[in-house]
Amino acid sequence: MEYIYLGDRFTQQYLVNQKCNAIRREGKCIRSRMSTMLVVFENGEIHNVLARRLRKL
């Protein structure tokens, strides 16, 4: 799945409005109980971000 990360006021500026892909295990996106999702950005960095700040492309 491909997403755009909107970020929030604590997000580093180079990550705002960047494309990212969800990291999957056994066909499902890796999400936590605290509504975060594990994603990899275009530059290769892996981050745990708030899922509600992601928009599907």
Protein backbone atom coordinates (compact mmCIF):
# COMPACT_ATOMS: atom_id res chain seq x y z
CA MET A 1 0.00 0.00 0.00
CA GLU A 2 1.26 3.45 -0.85
CA TYR A 3 0.51 6.45 1.35
CA ILE A 4 1.28 10.15 1.77
CA TYR A 5 2.35 11.07 5.30
CA LEU A 6 0.85 14.41 6.38
CA GLY A 7 2.86 14.75 9.58
CA ASP A 8 2.05 16.87 12.63
CA ARG A 9 3.72 19.69 14.54
CA PHE A 10 6.43 17.37 15.93
CA THR A 11 7.34 15.80 12.57
CA GLN A 12 10.67 16.59 10.96
CA GLN A 13 10.03 18.77 7.91
CA TYR A 14 11.69 16.46 5.39
CA LEU A 15 9.11 13.74 6.18
CA VAL A 16 6.01 15.91 5.68
CA ASN A 17 4.06 15.13 2.46
CA GLN A 18 6.41 12.29 1.52
CA LYS A 19 5.34 9.03 -0.09
CA CYS A 20 5.75 5.90 1.97
CA ASN A 21 4.90 2.21 1.75
CA ALA A 22 3.48 0.10 4.53
CA ILE A 23 5.68 -2.74 5.76
CA ARG A 24 3.75 -5.99 5.60
CA ARG A 25 3.96 -9.32 7.37
CA GLU A 26 1.93 -12.24 6.01
CA GLY A 27 -0.01 -9.87 3.73
CA LYS A 28 -1.12 -7.47 6.48
CA CYS A 29 0.20 -4.04 7.42
CA ILE A 30 2.05 -3.93 10.73
CA ARG A 31 -0.04 -1.82 13.13
CA SER A 32 0.06 -1.41 16.90
CA ARG A 33 -2.65 -1.06 19.49
CA MET A 34 -1.87 2.66 19.72
CA SER A 35 -2.92 3.26 16.08
CA THR A 36 0.57 3.49 14.63
CA MET A 37 1.84 1.89 11.46
CA LEU A 38 5.31 0.79 10.42
CA VAL A 39 6.25 2.41 7.08
CA VAL A 40 9.31 2.87 4.89
CA PHE A 41 9.77 6.24 3.18
CA GLU A 42 11.16 6.81 -0.33
CA ASN A 43 14.60 7.63 1.07
CA GLY A 44 14.74 4.20 2.76
CA GLU A 45 14.11 5.30 6.36
CA ILE A 46 11.80 3.12 8.46
CA HIS A 47 9.50 4.93 10.90
CA ASN A 48 6.58 4.16 13.15
CA VAL A 49 3.97 6.86 12.37
CA LEU A 50 0.42 7.66 13.41
CA ALA A 51 -1.92 5.84 11.04
CA ARG A 52 -4.51 8.62 11.08
CA ARG A 53 -1.95 10.99 9.50
CA LEU A 54 -1.55 8.71 6.44
CA ARG A 55 -3.59 9.15 3.25
CA LYS A 56 -3.91 6.33 0.75
CA LEU A 57 -2.85 7.04 -2.85
